Amino acid sequence: MSGQLFRHKFDGRDVWLATSRVEFKIDGKDGWANGCRAYDLDAPAAPTTEAVSGWVGKGPSGVTGAGNAAKLHWEPWQDGVTLEITYVPRDNPLGAQFGIQGLILVSQAIGGF
């Protein structure tokens, strides 16, 4: 297992990038899982679905929500790769319960076996 954590300021806010890689064996075959997560925990607003879809290159395959929080997901985003973009405002009860807020992007890939 390996990974790295980076921090950069955008518009005066700390934005975090976390990468991870896990290598494993299943039934004697080598496998791996890569993850990339970006956190802007002080993002003042969610990007529009249209803006995100333009950046991703297509509309989401699903949308879920809890109150005023929303998660857009692309499964797959590209072959073997998933993408989730979640926005949880500060006043969201579920976010307050779990201690998470802001804009969160998660991309994951699994393969090799």
PDB file of N, CA and C in Angstrom:
ATOM      1  N   MET A   1       0.849  -1.167   0.000  1.00  0.00           N
ATOM      2  CA  MET A   1       0.000   0.000   0.000  1.00  0.00           C
ATOM      3  C   MET A   1       0.896   1.232   0.000  1.00  0.00           C
ATOM      4  N   SER A   2       0.566   2.203  -0.831  1.00  0.00           N
ATOM      5  CA  SER A   2       1.327   3.444  -0.853  1.00  0.00           C
ATOM      6  C   SER A   2       0.375   4.599  -1.144  1.00  0.00           C
ATOM      7  N   GLY A   3       0.835   5.794  -0.869  1.00  0.00           N
ATOM      8  CA  GLY A   3       0.014   6.971  -1.141  1.00  0.00           C
ATOM      9  C   GLY A   3       0.766   8.238  -0.805  1.00  0.00           C
ATOM     10  N   GLN A   4       0.179   9.330  -1.225  1.00  0.00           N
ATOM     11  CA  GLN A   4       0.759  10.637  -0.954  1.00  0.00           C
ATOM     12  C   GLN A   4      -0.357  11.623  -0.663  1.00  0.00           C
ATOM     13  N   LEU A   5      -0.005  12.695   0.046  1.00  0.00           N
ATOM     14  CA  LEU A   5      -0.952  13.757   0.369  1.00  0.00           C
ATOM     15  C   LEU A   5      -0.313  15.086   0.001  1.00  0.00           C
ATOM     16  N   PHE A   6      -1.068  15.896  -0.740  1.00  0.00           N
ATOM     17  CA  PHE A   6      -0.590  17.199  -1.176  1.00  0.00           C
ATOM     18  C   PHE A   6      -1.589  18.272  -0.748  1.00  0.00           C
ATOM     19  N   ARG A   7      -1.089  19.489  -0.568  1.00  0.00           N
ATOM     20  CA  ARG A   7      -1.954  20.624  -0.238  1.00  0.00           C
ATOM     21  C   ARG A   7      -1.543  21.800  -1.117  1.00  0.00           C
ATOM     22  N   HIS A   8      -2.553  22.518  -1.618  1.00  0.00           N
ATOM     23  CA  HIS A   8      -2.298  23.712  -2.434  1.00  0.00           C
ATOM     24  C   HIS A   8      -3.394  24.724  -2.135  1.00  0.00           C
ATOM     25  N   LYS A   9      -3.075  25.988  -2.217  1.00  0.00           N
ATOM     26  CA  LYS A   9      -4.086  27.034  -1.991  1.00  0.00           C
ATOM     27  C   LYS A   9      -4.694  27.451  -3.321  1.00  0.00           C
ATOM     28  N   PHE A  10      -6.025  27.471  -3.368  1.00  0.00           N
ATOM     29  CA  PHE A  10      -6.789  27.991  -4.489  1.00  0.00           C
ATOM     30  C   PHE A  10      -7.766  29.008  -3.931  1.00  0.00           C
ATOM     31  N   ASP A  11      -7.744  30.195  -4.460  1.00  0.00           N
ATOM     32  CA  ASP A  11      -8.650  31.261  -3.994  1.00  0.00           C
ATOM     33  C   ASP A  11      -8.602  31.410  -2.477  1.00  0.00           C
ATOM     34  N   GLY A  12      -7.422  31.227  -1.879  1.00  0.00           N
ATOM     35  CA  GLY A  12      -7.249  31.388  -0.444  1.00  0.00           C
ATOM     36  C   GLY A  12      -7.686  30.206   0.395  1.00  0.00           C
ATOM     37  N   ARG A  13      -8.144  29.135  -0.246  1.00  0.00           N
ATOM     38  CA  ARG A  13      -8.600  27.942   0.487  1.00  0.00           C
ATOM     39  C   ARG A  13      -7.584  26.816   0.311  1.00  0.00           C
ATOM     40  N   ASP A  14      -7.400  26.011   1.363  1.00  0.00           N
ATOM     41  CA  ASP A  14      -6.572  24.821   1.233  1.00  0.00           C
ATOM     42  C   ASP A  14      -7.354  23.757   0.483  1.00  0.00           C
ATOM     43  N   VAL A  15      -6.734  23.214  -0.546  1.00  0.00           N
ATOM     44  CA  VAL A  15      -7.312  22.097  -1.292  1.00  0.00           C
ATOM     45  C   VAL A  15      -6.330  20.944  -1.172  1.00  0.00           C
ATOM     46  N   TRP A  16      -6.857  19.781  -0.856  1.00  0.00           N
ATOM     47  CA  TRP A  16      -6.038  18.603  -0.581  1.00  0.00           C
ATOM     48  C   TRP A  16      -6.186  17.583  -1.703  1.00  0.00           C
ATOM     49  N   LEU A  17      -5.102  16.921  -2.050  1.00  0.00           N
ATOM     50  CA  LEU A  17      -5.105  15.828  -3.020  1.00  0.00           C
ATOM     51  C   LEU A  17      -4.459  14.626  -2.346  1.00  0.00           C
ATOM     52  N   ALA A  18      -5.175  13.518  -2.288  1.00  0.00           N
ATOM     53  CA  ALA A  18      -4.659  12.284  -1.687  1.00  0.00           C
ATOM     54  C   ALA A  18      -4.656  11.199  -2.754  1.00  0.00           C
ATOM     55  N   THR A  19      -3.519  10.532  -2.914  1.00  0.00           N
ATOM     56  CA  THR A  19      -3.427   9.424  -3.853  1.00  0.00           C
ATOM     57  C   THR A  19      -3.158   8.144  -3.075  1.00  0.00           C
ATOM     58  N   SER A  20      -3.602   7.026  -3.637  1.00  0.00           N
ATOM     59  CA  SER A  20      -3.359   5.744  -2.980  1.00  0.00           C
ATOM     60  C   SER A  20      -3.212   4.647  -4.022  1.00  0.00           C
ATOM     61  N   ARG A  21      -2.460   3.635  -3.671  1.00  0.00           N
ATOM     62  CA  ARG A  21      -2.320   2.444  -4.513  1.00  0.00           C
ATOM     63  C   ARG A  21      -2.187   1.233  -3.597  1.00  0.00           C
ATOM     64  N   VAL A  22      -2.936   0.208  -3.932  1.00  0.00           N
ATOM     65  CA  VAL A  22      -2.887  -1.052  -3.203  1.00  0.00           C
ATOM     66  C   VAL A  22      -2.642  -2.149  -4.234  1.00  0.00           C
ATOM     67  N   GLU A  23      -1.701  -3.029  -3.942  1.00  0.00           N
ATOM     68  CA  GLU A  23      -1.454  -4.192  -4.786  1.00  0.00           C
ATOM     69  C   GLU A  23      -1.816  -5.435  -3.980  1.00  0.00           C
ATOM     70  N   PHE A  24      -2.462  -6.401  -4.646  1.00  0.00           N
ATOM     71  CA  PHE A  24      -2.966  -7.580  -3.943  1.00  0.00           C
ATOM     72  C   PHE A  24      -3.003  -8.767  -4.886  1.00  0.00           C
ATOM     73  N   LYS A  25      -3.301  -9.928  -4.313  1.00  0.00           N
ATOM     74  CA  LYS A  25      -3.472 -11.156  -5.092  1.00  0.00           C
ATOM     75  C   LYS A  25      -4.867 -11.710  -4.823  1.00  0.00           C
ATOM     76  N   ILE A  26      -5.511 -12.154  -5.888  1.00  0.00           N
ATOM     77  CA  ILE A  26      -6.799 -12.849  -5.782  1.00  0.00           C
ATOM     78  C   ILE A  26      -6.663 -14.127  -6.599  1.00  0.00           C
ATOM     79  N   ASP A  27      -6.842 -15.266  -5.948  1.00  0.00           N
ATOM     80  CA  ASP A  27      -6.707 -16.565  -6.610  1.00  0.00           C
ATOM     81  C   ASP A  27      -5.400 -16.666  -7.392  1.00  0.00           C
ATOM     82  N   GLY A  28      -4.305 -16.156  -6.805  1.00  0.00           N
ATOM     83  CA  GLY A  28      -2.990 -16.237  -7.415  1.00  0.00           C
ATOM     84  C   GLY A  28      -2.722 -15.209  -8.504  1.00  0.00           C
ATOM     85  N   LYS A  29      -3.693 -14.353  -8.796  1.00  0.00           N
ATOM     86  CA  LYS A  29      -3.506 -13.330  -9.831  1.00  0.00           C
ATOM     87  C   LYS A  29      -3.246 -11.979  -9.173  1.00  0.00           C
ATOM     88  N   ASP A  30      -2.292 -11.239  -9.752  1.00  0.00           N
ATOM     89  CA  ASP A  30      -1.967  -9.912  -9.243  1.00  0.00           C
ATOM     90  C   ASP A  30      -3.072  -8.921  -9.593  1.00  0.00           C
ATOM     91  N   GLY A  31      -3.381  -8.081  -8.622  1.00  0.00           N
ATOM     92  CA  GLY A  31      -4.356  -7.020  -8.841  1.00  0.00           C
ATOM     93  C   GLY A  31      -3.877  -5.732  -8.211  1.00  0.00           C
ATOM     94  N   TRP A  32      -4.530  -4.644  -8.560  1.00  0.00           N
ATOM     95  CA  TRP A  32      -4.177  -3.340  -8.006  1.00  0.00           C
ATOM     96  C   TRP A  32      -5.421  -2.465  -7.952  1.00  0.00           C
ATOM     97  N   ALA A  33      -5.352  -1.473  -7.104  1.00  0.00           N
ATOM     98  CA  ALA A  33      -6.413  -0.469  -6.994  1.00  0.00           C
ATOM     99  C   ALA A  33      -5.728   0.888  -6.793  1.00  0.00           C
ATOM    100  N   ASN A  34      -6.058   1.833  -7.629  1.00  0.00           N
ATOM    101  CA  ASN A  34      -5.533   3.197  -7.514  1.00  0.00           C
ATOM    102  C   ASN A  34      -6.676   4.123  -7.117  1.00  0.00           C
ATOM    103  N   GLY A  35      -6.397   5.065  -6.262  1.00  0.00           N
ATOM    104  CA  GLY A  35      -7.396   6.047  -5.862  1.00  0.00           C
ATOM    105  C   GLY A  35      -6.819   7.448  -5.890  1.00  0.00           C
ATOM    106  N   CYS A  36      -7.656   8.394  -6.213  1.00  0.00           N
ATOM    107  CA  CYS A  36      -7.274   9.795  -6.215  1.00  0.00           C
ATOM    108  C   CYS A  36      -8.447  10.575  -5.648  1.00  0.00           C
ATOM    109  N   ARG A  37      -8.194  11.361  -4.618  1.00  0.00           N
ATOM    110  CA  ARG A  37      -9.248  12.128  -3.957  1.00  0.00           C
ATOM    111  C   ARG A  37      -8.801  13.575  -3.814  1.00  0.00           C
ATOM    112  N   ALA A  38      -9.680  14.492  -4.152  1.00  0.00           N
ATOM    113  CA  ALA A  38      -9.421  15.922  -3.972  1.00  0.00           C
ATOM    114  C   ALA A  38     -10.476  16.469  -3.028  1.00  0.00           C
ATOM    115  N   TYR A  39     -10.051  17.258  -2.053  1.00  0.00           N
ATOM    116  CA  TYR A  39     -10.947  17.813  -1.044  1.00  0.00           C
ATOM    117  C   TYR A  39     -10.802  19.327  -0.994  1.00  0.00           C
ATOM    118  N   ASP A  40     -11.884  20.036  -1.235  1.00  0.00           N
ATOM    119  CA  ASP A  40     -11.957  21.480  -1.007  1.00  0.00           C
ATOM    120  C   ASP A  40     -13.023  21.654   0.075  1.00  0.00           C
ATOM    121  N   LEU A  41     -12.601  21.515   1.318  1.00  0.00           N
ATOM    122  CA  LEU A  41     -13.548  21.452   2.432  1.00  0.00           C
ATOM    123  C   LEU A  41     -14.198  22.789   2.754  1.00  0.00           C
ATOM    124  N   ASP A  42     -13.708  23.861   2.177  1.00  0.00           N
ATOM    125  CA  ASP A  42     -14.302  25.178   2.381  1.00  0.00           C
ATOM    126  C   ASP A  42     -14.908  25.738   1.098  1.00  0.00           C
ATOM    127  N   ALA A  43     -15.175  24.879   0.124  1.00  0.00           N
ATOM    128  CA  ALA A  43     -15.780  25.339  -1.131  1.00  0.00           C
ATOM    129  C   ALA A  43     -17.098  26.055  -0.820  1.00  0.00           C
ATOM    130  N   PRO A  44     -17.276  27.265  -1.329  1.00  0.00           N
ATOM    131  CA  PRO A  44     -18.459  28.045  -0.976  1.00  0.00           C
ATOM    132  C   PRO A  44     -19.747  27.584  -1.647  1.00  0.00           C
ATOM    133  N   ALA A  45     -19.631  26.836  -2.748  1.00  0.00           N
ATOM    134  CA  ALA A  45     -20.823  26.387  -3.474  1.00  0.00           C
ATOM    135  C   ALA A  45     -20.460  25.197  -4.343  1.00  0.00           C
ATOM    136  N   ALA A  46     -21.470  24.445  -4.716  1.00  0.00           N
ATOM    137  CA  ALA A  46     -21.268  23.311  -5.612  1.00  0.00           C
ATOM    138  C   ALA A  46     -21.142  23.809  -7.046  1.00  0.00           C
ATOM    139  N   PRO A  47     -20.298  23.174  -7.839  1.00  0.00           N
ATOM    140  CA  PRO A  47     -20.305  23.501  -9.264  1.00  0.00           C
ATOM    141  C   PRO A  47     -21.610  22.987  -9.872  1.00  0.00           C
ATOM    142  N   THR A  48     -22.062  23.606 -10.929  1.00  0.00           N
ATOM    143  CA  THR A  48     -23.298  23.150 -11.572  1.00  0.00           C
ATOM    144  C   THR A  48     -23.078  21.807 -12.249  1.00  0.00           C
ATOM    145  N   THR A  49     -24.143  21.039 -12.385  1.00  0.00           N
ATOM    146  CA  THR A  49     -24.054  19.762 -13.097  1.00  0.00           C
ATOM    147  C   THR A  49     -23.574  19.992 -14.517  1.00  0.00           C
ATOM    148  N   GLU A  50     -24.024  21.078 -15.140  1.00  0.00           N
ATOM    149  CA  GLU A  50     -23.616  21.383 -16.505  1.00  0.00           C
ATOM    150  C   GLU A  50     -22.114  21.635 -16.582  1.00  0.00           C
ATOM    151  N   ALA A  51     -21.565  22.401 -15.618  1.00  0.00           N
ATOM    152  CA  ALA A  51     -20.130  22.686 -15.615  1.00  0.00           C
ATOM    153  C   ALA A  51     -19.320  21.410 -15.424  1.00  0.00           C
ATOM    154  N   VAL A  52     -19.734  20.576 -14.485  1.00  0.00           N
ATOM    155  CA  VAL A  52     -19.009  19.334 -14.215  1.00  0.00           C
ATOM    156  C   VAL A  52     -19.123  18.390 -15.406  1.00  0.00           C
ATOM    157  N   SER A  53     -20.307  18.280 -15.986  1.00  0.00           N
ATOM    158  CA  SER A  53     -20.500  17.400 -17.148  1.00  0.00           C
ATOM    159  C   SER A  53     -19.634  17.857 -18.318  1.00  0.00           C
ATOM    160  N   GLY A  54     -19.472  19.172 -18.488  1.00  0.00           N
ATOM    161  CA  GLY A  54     -18.602  19.686 -19.535  1.00  0.00           C
ATOM    162  C   GLY A  54     -17.155  19.313 -19.288  1.00  0.00           C
ATOM    163  N   TRP A  55     -16.723  19.376 -18.029  1.00  0.00           N
ATOM    164  CA  TRP A  55     -15.357  19.017 -17.681  1.00  0.00           C
ATOM    165  C   TRP A  55     -15.129  17.516 -17.863  1.00  0.00           C
ATOM    166  N   VAL A  56     -16.101  16.697 -17.427  1.00  0.00           N
ATOM    167  CA  VAL A  56     -15.972  15.243 -17.498  1.00  0.00           C
ATOM    168  C   VAL A  56     -16.113  14.753 -18.935  1.00  0.00           C
ATOM    169  N   GLY A  57     -16.924  15.450 -19.720  1.00  0.00           N
ATOM    170  CA  GLY A  57     -17.130  15.048 -21.110  1.00  0.00           C
ATOM    171  C   GLY A  57     -18.448  14.342 -21.358  1.00  0.00           C
ATOM    172  N   LYS A  58     -19.234  14.143 -20.309  1.00  0.00           N
ATOM    173  CA  LYS A  58     -20.559  13.534 -20.450  1.00  0.00           C
ATOM    174  C   LYS A  58     -21.316  13.728 -19.146  1.00  0.00           C
ATOM    175  N   GLY A  59     -22.616  13.541 -19.200  1.00  0.00           N
ATOM    176  CA  GLY A  59     -23.443  13.665 -18.008  1.00  0.00           C
ATOM    177  C   GLY A  59     -23.229  12.501 -17.061  1.00  0.00           C
ATOM    178  N   PRO A  60     -23.615  12.670 -15.787  1.00  0.00           N
ATOM    179  CA  PRO A  60     -23.427  11.601 -14.810  1.00  0.00           C
ATOM    180  C   PRO A  60     -24.335  10.406 -15.095  1.00  0.00           C
ATOM    181  N   SER A  61     -23.876   9.236 -14.665  1.00  0.00           N
ATOM    182  CA  SER A  61     -24.703   8.035 -14.797  1.00  0.00           C
ATOM    183  C   SER A  61     -25.677   7.922 -13.630  1.00  0.00           C
ATOM    184  N   GLY A  62     -25.473   8.719 -12.591  1.00  0.00           N
ATOM    185  CA  GLY A  62     -26.380   8.715 -11.455  1.00  0.00           C
ATOM    186  C   GLY A  62     -26.177   9.931 -10.580  1.00  0.00           C
ATOM    187  N   VAL A  63     -27.249  10.274  -9.868  1.00  0.00           N
ATOM    188  CA  VAL A  63     -27.222  11.396  -8.933  1.00  0.00           C
ATOM    189  C   VAL A  63     -27.948  10.941  -7.673  1.00  0.00           C
ATOM    190  N   THR A  64     -27.319  11.168  -6.509  1.00  0.00           N
ATOM    191  CA  THR A  64     -27.974  10.888  -5.241  1.00  0.00           C
ATOM    192  C   THR A  64     -27.862  12.130  -4.375  1.00  0.00           C
ATOM    193  N   GLY A  65     -28.713  12.200  -3.369  1.00  0.00           N
ATOM    194  CA  GLY A  65     -28.673  13.363  -2.508  1.00  0.00           C
ATOM    195  C   GLY A  65     -29.221  13.070  -1.128  1.00  0.00           C
ATOM    196  N   ALA A  66     -28.876  13.940  -0.195  1.00  0.00           N
ATOM    197  CA  ALA A  66     -29.392  13.892   1.168  1.00  0.00           C
ATOM    198  C   ALA A  66     -29.582  15.345   1.592  1.00  0.00           C
ATOM    199  N   GLY A  67     -30.823  15.793   1.604  1.00  0.00           N
ATOM    200  CA  GLY A  67     -31.088  17.191   1.912  1.00  0.00           C
ATOM    201  C   GLY A  67     -30.526  18.063   0.810  1.00  0.00           C
ATOM    202  N   ASN A  68     -29.658  19.008   1.173  1.00  0.00           N
ATOM    203  CA  ASN A  68     -29.068  19.904   0.182  1.00  0.00           C
ATOM    204  C   ASN A  68     -27.669  19.450  -0.264  1.00  0.00           C
ATOM    205  N   ALA A  69     -27.292  18.224   0.052  1.00  0.00           N
ATOM    206  CA  ALA A  69     -26.033  17.644  -0.415  1.00  0.00           C
ATOM    207  C   ALA A  69     -26.319  16.783  -1.643  1.00  0.00           C
ATOM    208  N   ALA A  70     -25.354  16.718  -2.554  1.00  0.00           N
ATOM    209  CA  ALA A  70     -25.559  15.928  -3.769  1.00  0.00           C
ATOM    210  C   ALA A  70     -24.282  15.218  -4.171  1.00  0.00           C
ATOM    211  N   LYS A  71     -24.445  14.018  -4.744  1.00  0.00           N
ATOM    212  CA  LYS A  71     -23.329  13.256  -5.290  1.00  0.00           C
ATOM    213  C   LYS A  71     -23.662  12.906  -6.739  1.00  0.00           C
ATOM    214  N   LEU A  72     -22.762  13.262  -7.633  1.00  0.00           N
ATOM    215  CA  LEU A  72     -22.851  12.880  -9.039  1.00  0.00           C
ATOM    216  C   LEU A  72     -21.846  11.767  -9.252  1.00  0.00           C
ATOM    217  N   HIS A  73     -22.218  10.731  -9.996  1.00  0.00           N
ATOM    218  CA  HIS A  73     -21.234   9.683 -10.240  1.00  0.00           C
ATOM    219  C   HIS A  73     -21.280   9.211 -11.681  1.00  0.00           C
ATOM    220  N   TRP A  74     -20.102   8.790 -12.114  1.00  0.00           N
ATOM    221  CA  TRP A  74     -19.900   8.270 -13.461  1.00  0.00           C
ATOM    222  C   TRP A  74     -19.312   6.878 -13.307  1.00  0.00           C
ATOM    223  N   GLU A  75     -20.090   5.874 -13.705  1.00  0.00           N
ATOM    224  CA  GLU A  75     -19.658   4.486 -13.594  1.00  0.00           C
ATOM    225  C   GLU A  75     -19.962   3.781 -14.908  1.00  0.00           C
ATOM    226  N   PRO A  76     -18.993   3.647 -15.785  1.00  0.00           N
ATOM    227  CA  PRO A  76     -17.620   4.130 -15.666  1.00  0.00           C
ATOM    228  C   PRO A  76     -17.490   5.568 -16.173  1.00  0.00           C
ATOM    229  N   TRP A  77     -16.405   6.202 -15.746  1.00  0.00           N
ATOM    230  CA  TRP A  77     -16.022   7.514 -16.289  1.00  0.00           C
ATOM    231  C   TRP A  77     -15.237   7.260 -17.566  1.00  0.00           C
ATOM    232  N   GLN A  78     -14.240   6.416 -17.441  1.00  0.00           N
ATOM    233  CA  GLN A  78     -13.467   5.887 -18.555  1.00  0.00           C
ATOM    234  C   GLN A  78     -13.385   4.394 -18.312  1.00  0.00           C
ATOM    235  N   ASP A  79     -12.885   3.618 -19.270  1.00  0.00           N
ATOM    236  CA  ASP A  79     -12.801   2.171 -19.081  1.00  0.00           C
ATOM    237  C   ASP A  79     -12.080   1.847 -17.780  1.00  0.00           C
ATOM    238  N   GLY A  80     -12.762   1.139 -16.880  1.00  0.00           N
ATOM    239  CA  GLY A  80     -12.169   0.708 -15.625  1.00  0.00           C
ATOM    240  C   GLY A  80     -11.998   1.778 -14.565  1.00  0.00           C
ATOM    241  N   VAL A  81     -12.548   2.970 -14.797  1.00  0.00           N
ATOM    242  CA  VAL A  81     -12.359   4.085 -13.871  1.00  0.00           C
ATOM    243  C   VAL A  81     -13.714   4.672 -13.481  1.00  0.00           C
ATOM    244  N   THR A  82     -13.919   4.882 -12.181  1.00  0.00           N
ATOM    245  CA  THR A  82     -15.133   5.544 -11.700  1.00  0.00           C
ATOM    246  C   THR A  82     -14.781   6.938 -11.194  1.00  0.00           C
ATOM    247  N   LEU A  83     -15.792   7.793 -11.166  1.00  0.00           N
ATOM    248  CA  LEU A  83     -15.619   9.159 -10.679  1.00  0.00           C
ATOM    249  C   LEU A  83     -16.857   9.541  -9.881  1.00  0.00           C
ATOM    250  N   GLU A  84     -16.644  10.158  -8.727  1.00  0.00           N
ATOM    251  CA  GLU A  84     -17.734  10.710  -7.914  1.00  0.00           C
ATOM    252  C   GLU A  84     -17.377  12.143  -7.558  1.00  0.00           C
ATOM    253  N   ILE A  85     -18.342  13.018  -7.656  1.00  0.00           N
ATOM    254  CA  ILE A  85     -18.164  14.409  -7.238  1.00  0.00           C
ATOM    255  C   ILE A  85     -19.300  14.718  -6.268  1.00  0.00           C
ATOM    256  N   THR A  86     -18.933  15.046  -5.038  1.00  0.00           N
ATOM    257  CA  THR A  86     -19.901  15.266  -3.973  1.00  0.00           C
ATOM    258  C   THR A  86     -19.744  16.677  -3.423  1.00  0.00           C
ATOM    259  N   TYR A  87     -20.880  17.308  -3.137  1.00  0.00           N
ATOM    260  CA  TYR A  87     -20.838  18.596  -2.458  1.00  0.00           C
ATOM    261  C   TYR A  87     -21.751  18.529  -1.241  1.00  0.00           C
ATOM    262  N   VAL A  88     -21.181  18.858  -0.075  1.00  0.00           N
ATOM    263  CA  VAL A  88     -21.924  18.864   1.181  1.00  0.00           C
ATOM    264  C   VAL A  88     -21.789  20.259   1.788  1.00  0.00           C
ATOM    265  N   PRO A  89     -22.881  21.061   1.801  1.00  0.00           N
ATOM    266  CA  PRO A  89     -22.794  22.393   2.400  1.00  0.00           C
ATOM    267  C   PRO A  89     -22.650  22.309   3.923  1.00  0.00           C
ATOM    268  N   ARG A  90     -22.149  23.394   4.503  1.00  0.00           N
ATOM    269  CA  ARG A  90     -21.920  23.436   5.956  1.00  0.00           C
ATOM    270  C   ARG A  90     -23.179  23.145   6.771  1.00  0.00           C
ATOM    271  N   ASP A  91     -24.342  23.521   6.269  1.00  0.00           N
ATOM    272  CA  ASP A  91     -25.562  23.364   7.060  1.00  0.00           C
ATOM    273  C   ASP A  91     -26.267  22.025   6.832  1.00  0.00           C
ATOM    274  N   ASN A  92     -25.632  21.081   6.156  1.00  0.00           N
ATOM    275  CA  ASN A  92     -26.254  19.783   5.908  1.00  0.00           C
ATOM    276  C   ASN A  92     -26.167  18.920   7.165  1.00  0.00           C
ATOM    277  N   PRO A  93     -27.297  18.421   7.690  1.00  0.00           N
ATOM    278  CA  PRO A  93     -27.285  17.639   8.934  1.00  0.00           C
ATOM    279  C   PRO A  93     -26.441  16.366   8.853  1.00  0.00           C
ATOM    280  N   LEU A  94     -26.494  15.659   7.725  1.00  0.00           N
ATOM    281  CA  LEU A  94     -25.716  14.432   7.586  1.00  0.00           C
ATOM    282  C   LEU A  94     -24.222  14.752   7.570  1.00  0.00           C
ATOM    283  N   GLY A  95     -23.845  15.843   6.893  1.00  0.00           N
ATOM    284  CA  GLY A  95     -22.453  16.270   6.887  1.00  0.00           C
ATOM    285  C   GLY A  95     -21.977  16.642   8.276  1.00  0.00           C
ATOM    286  N   ALA A  96     -22.830  17.331   9.029  1.00  0.00           N
ATOM    287  CA  ALA A  96     -22.482  17.710  10.399  1.00  0.00           C
ATOM    288  C   ALA A  96     -22.321  16.467  11.277  1.00  0.00           C
ATOM    289  N   GLN A  97     -23.184  15.478  11.072  1.00  0.00           N
ATOM    290  CA  GLN A  97     -23.125  14.248  11.852  1.00  0.00           C
ATOM    291  C   GLN A  97     -21.811  13.503  11.610  1.00  0.00           C
ATOM    292  N   PHE A  98     -21.360  13.460  10.351  1.00  0.00           N
ATOM    293  CA  PHE A  98     -20.149  12.717  10.022  1.00  0.00           C
ATOM    294  C   PHE A  98     -18.903  13.600   9.941  1.00  0.00           C
ATOM    295  N   GLY A  99     -19.057  14.898  10.133  1.00  0.00           N
ATOM    296  CA  GLY A  99     -17.918  15.800  10.170  1.00  0.00           C
ATOM    297  C   GLY A  99     -17.276  16.055   8.825  1.00  0.00           C
ATOM    298  N   ILE A 100     -18.054  16.062   7.759  1.00  0.00           N
ATOM    299  CA  ILE A 100     -17.513  16.313   6.420  1.00  0.00           C
ATOM    300  C   ILE A 100     -18.344  17.386   5.735  1.00  0.00           C
ATOM    301  N   GLN A 101     -17.662  18.212   4.984  1.00  0.00           N
ATOM    302  CA  GLN A 101     -18.347  19.275   4.249  1.00  0.00           C
ATOM    303  C   GLN A 101     -17.485  19.652   3.060  1.00  0.00           C
ATOM    304  N   GLY A 102     -18.045  20.397   2.143  1.00  0.00           N
ATOM    305  CA  GLY A 102     -17.292  20.916   1.015  1.00  0.00           C
ATOM    306  C   GLY A 102     -17.418  20.069  -0.228  1.00  0.00           C
ATOM    307  N   LEU A 103     -16.447  20.249  -1.111  1.00  0.00           N
ATOM    308  CA  LEU A 103     -16.417  19.587  -2.409  1.00  0.00           C
ATOM    309  C   LEU A 103     -15.408  18.453  -2.359  1.00  0.00           C
ATOM    310  N   ILE A 104     -15.843  17.259  -2.784  1.00  0.00           N
ATOM    311  CA  ILE A 104     -15.005  16.068  -2.719  1.00  0.00           C
ATOM    312  C   ILE A 104     -15.073  15.358  -4.066  1.00  0.00           C
ATOM    313  N   LEU A 105     -13.934  15.139  -4.679  1.00  0.00           N
ATOM    314  CA  LEU A 105     -13.842  14.397  -5.930  1.00  0.00           C
ATOM    315  C   LEU A 105     -13.100  13.105  -5.653  1.00  0.00           C
ATOM    316  N   VAL A 106     -13.644  11.986  -6.140  1.00  0.00           N
ATOM    317  CA  VAL A 106     -13.025  10.687  -5.922  1.00  0.00           C
ATOM    318  C   VAL A 106     -12.987   9.940  -7.256  1.00  0.00           C
ATOM    319  N   SER A 107     -11.810   9.507  -7.651  1.00  0.00           N
ATOM    320  CA  SER A 107     -11.655   8.676  -8.843  1.00  0.00           C
ATOM    321  C   SER A 107     -10.924   7.407  -8.422  1.00  0.00           C
ATOM    322  N   GLN A 108     -11.414   6.261  -8.921  1.00  0.00           N
ATOM    323  CA  GLN A 108     -10.812   4.985  -8.557  1.00  0.00           C
ATOM    324  C   GLN A 108     -10.724   4.071  -9.769  1.00  0.00           C
ATOM    325  N   ALA A 109      -9.679   3.267  -9.794  1.00  0.00           N
ATOM    326  CA  ALA A 109      -9.494   2.275 -10.845  1.00  0.00           C
ATOM    327  C   ALA A 109      -9.021   0.988 -10.193  1.00  0.00           C
ATOM    328  N   ILE A 110      -9.517  -0.146 -10.687  1.00  0.00           N
ATOM    329  CA  ILE A 110      -9.126  -1.450 -10.187  1.00  0.00           C
ATOM    330  C   ILE A 110      -8.824  -2.316 -11.401  1.00  0.00           C
ATOM    331  N   GLY A 111      -7.758  -3.089 -11.330  1.00  0.00           N
ATOM    332  CA  GLY A 111      -7.448  -3.951 -12.471  1.00  0.00           C
ATOM    333  C   GLY A 111      -6.281  -4.866 -12.221  1.00  0.00           C
ATOM    334  N   GLY A 112      -5.787  -5.423 -13.320  1.00  0.00           N
ATOM    335  CA  GLY A 112      -4.607  -6.272 -13.274  1.00  0.00           C
ATOM    336  C   GLY A 112      -4.888  -7.750 -13.178  1.00  0.00           C
ATOM    337  N   PHE A 113      -6.112  -8.144 -12.883  1.00  0.00           N
ATOM    338  CA  PHE A 113      -6.377  -9.582 -12.726  1.00  0.00           C
ATOM    339  C   PHE A 113      -7.294 -10.084 -13.804  1.00  0.00           C
TER     340      PHE A 113
END
